[in-house]
Amino acid sequence: MDDLDHRHLGVQFKLWHLQDDAPGMVFWHPRGYAVYRVLEDYVRGKMRRAGYEEVRTPQLRDGRVSLRERDGAQADLPLAAAVSRLCARARPGGAVTEAG
């Protein structure tokens, strides 16, 4: 794993931790959650100004087909690239929908 990989840096700077009994779930520490909220507010503002509305979907799913397999996402994408791809692919009827 690259020393600049967000998964490594988050643990190194005590922003979050992962647990084997909850794969893929992030356990946020106070400083990490503060950073998360700043990024979340920034993205929400950009999306709102672009005319999108936010929706919320369940976190639990049956797991027959992983989101990574369905969407073709790469496991090692940096966080910024993943957010950028999400914003670029946002379509009506998806996780982020166009207002109106």
Protein backbone atom coordinates (compact mmCIF):
# COMPACT_ATOMS: atom_id res chain seq x y z
CA MET A 1 0.00 0.00 0.00
CA ASP A 2 1.30 3.46 -0.94
CA ASP A 3 2.31 5.73 1.97
CA LEU A 4 -0.03 8.41 0.56
CA ASP A 5 -3.00 6.05 0.29
CA HIS A 6 -5.99 7.48 2.17
CA ARG A 7 -6.62 4.11 3.84
CA HIS A 8 -3.12 4.20 5.35
CA LEU A 9 -3.16 7.92 6.22
CA GLY A 10 -6.52 7.73 7.98
CA VAL A 11 -5.24 5.09 10.37
CA GLN A 12 -1.82 6.74 10.74
CA PHE A 13 -3.34 10.08 11.73
CA LYS A 14 -5.96 8.39 13.93
CA LEU A 15 -8.85 9.72 11.85
CA TRP A 16 -10.64 6.33 11.76
CA HIS A 17 -10.16 2.63 12.23
CA LEU A 18 -11.51 -0.50 10.58
CA GLN A 19 -12.53 -3.73 12.27
CA ASP A 20 -12.37 -7.26 10.88
CA ASP A 21 -15.87 -8.05 12.12
CA ALA A 22 -17.35 -5.13 10.13
CA PRO A 23 -15.67 -5.18 6.70
CA GLY A 24 -16.00 -1.94 4.78
CA MET A 25 -17.39 -0.01 7.74
CA VAL A 26 -15.42 3.00 8.97
CA PHE A 27 -15.32 3.78 12.68
CA TRP A 28 -14.71 7.53 12.76
CA HIS A 29 -12.61 9.16 15.47
CA PRO A 30 -13.50 12.77 16.46
CA ARG A 31 -10.87 14.52 14.28
CA GLY A 32 -11.60 12.25 11.32
CA TYR A 33 -15.32 12.86 11.56
CA ALA A 34 -14.69 16.61 11.66
CA VAL A 35 -12.73 16.33 8.37
CA TYR A 36 -15.48 14.12 6.94
CA ARG A 37 -18.15 16.71 7.79
CA VAL A 38 -16.17 19.53 6.13
CA LEU A 39 -15.84 17.46 2.94
CA GLU A 40 -19.49 16.39 3.12
CA ASP A 41 -20.68 20.00 3.49
CA TYR A 42 -18.46 21.10 0.58
CA VAL A 43 -19.80 18.38 -1.75
CA ARG A 44 -23.41 19.01 -0.66
CA GLY A 45 -23.04 22.71 -1.42
CA LYS A 46 -21.60 22.03 -4.88
CA MET A 47 -24.32 19.53 -5.68
CA ARG A 48 -27.08 21.86 -4.43
CA ARG A 49 -25.73 24.75 -6.53
CA ALA A 50 -25.62 22.40 -9.54
CA GLY A 51 -29.34 21.69 -9.11
CA TYR A 52 -29.23 18.23 -7.55
CA GLU A 53 -31.30 16.99 -4.61
CA GLU A 54 -29.96 14.62 -1.99
CA VAL A 55 -31.58 11.26 -1.26
CA ARG A 56 -30.72 8.63 1.35
CA THR A 57 -30.61 4.90 0.69
CA PRO A 58 -30.24 1.94 3.07
CA GLN A 59 -26.73 0.96 4.12
CA LEU A 60 -27.59 -2.73 4.32
CA ARG A 61 -28.19 -4.74 1.18
CA ASP A 62 -28.36 -8.41 0.30
CA GLY A 63 -24.86 -8.56 -1.20
CA ARG A 64 -25.61 -10.82 -4.17
CA VAL A 65 -23.83 -8.37 -6.48
CA SER A 66 -21.38 -5.95 -4.90
CA LEU A 67 -21.60 -2.29 -5.85
CA ARG A 68 -17.99 -2.49 -6.96
CA GLU A 69 -18.82 -5.30 -9.41
CA ARG A 70 -21.96 -3.57 -10.68
CA ASP A 71 -20.41 -0.12 -11.15
CA GLY A 72 -16.93 -1.27 -12.15
CA ALA A 73 -15.34 0.86 -9.41
CA GLN A 74 -11.75 0.15 -8.46
CA ALA A 75 -10.97 -0.71 -4.84
CA ASP A 76 -7.82 1.41 -4.77
CA LEU A 77 -9.16 4.72 -6.08
CA PRO A 78 -8.16 7.69 -3.93
CA LEU A 79 -11.06 9.35 -2.12
CA ALA A 80 -10.98 12.50 -4.26
CA ALA A 81 -11.15 10.51 -7.50
CA ALA A 82 -14.04 8.45 -6.17
CA VAL A 83 -16.01 11.57 -5.21
CA SER A 84 -15.20 13.17 -8.55
CA ARG A 85 -16.45 10.09 -10.44
CA LEU A 86 -19.63 10.02 -8.35
CA CYS A 87 -20.36 13.66 -9.11
CA ALA A 88 -19.65 13.19 -12.82
CA ARG A 89 -21.93 10.12 -13.05
CA ALA A 90 -24.84 11.49 -11.03
CA ARG A 91 -28.01 10.90 -13.01
CA PRO A 92 -31.75 11.20 -12.36
CA GLY A 93 -32.90 8.06 -10.59
CA GLY A 94 -29.45 7.35 -9.15
CA ALA A 95 -28.07 8.05 -5.67
CA VAL A 96 -28.05 11.76 -6.50
CA THR A 97 -30.93 13.06 -8.58
CA GLU A 98 -31.51 16.20 -10.59
CA ALA A 99 -33.89 18.71 -9.00
CA GLY A 100 -37.18 19.49 -10.66
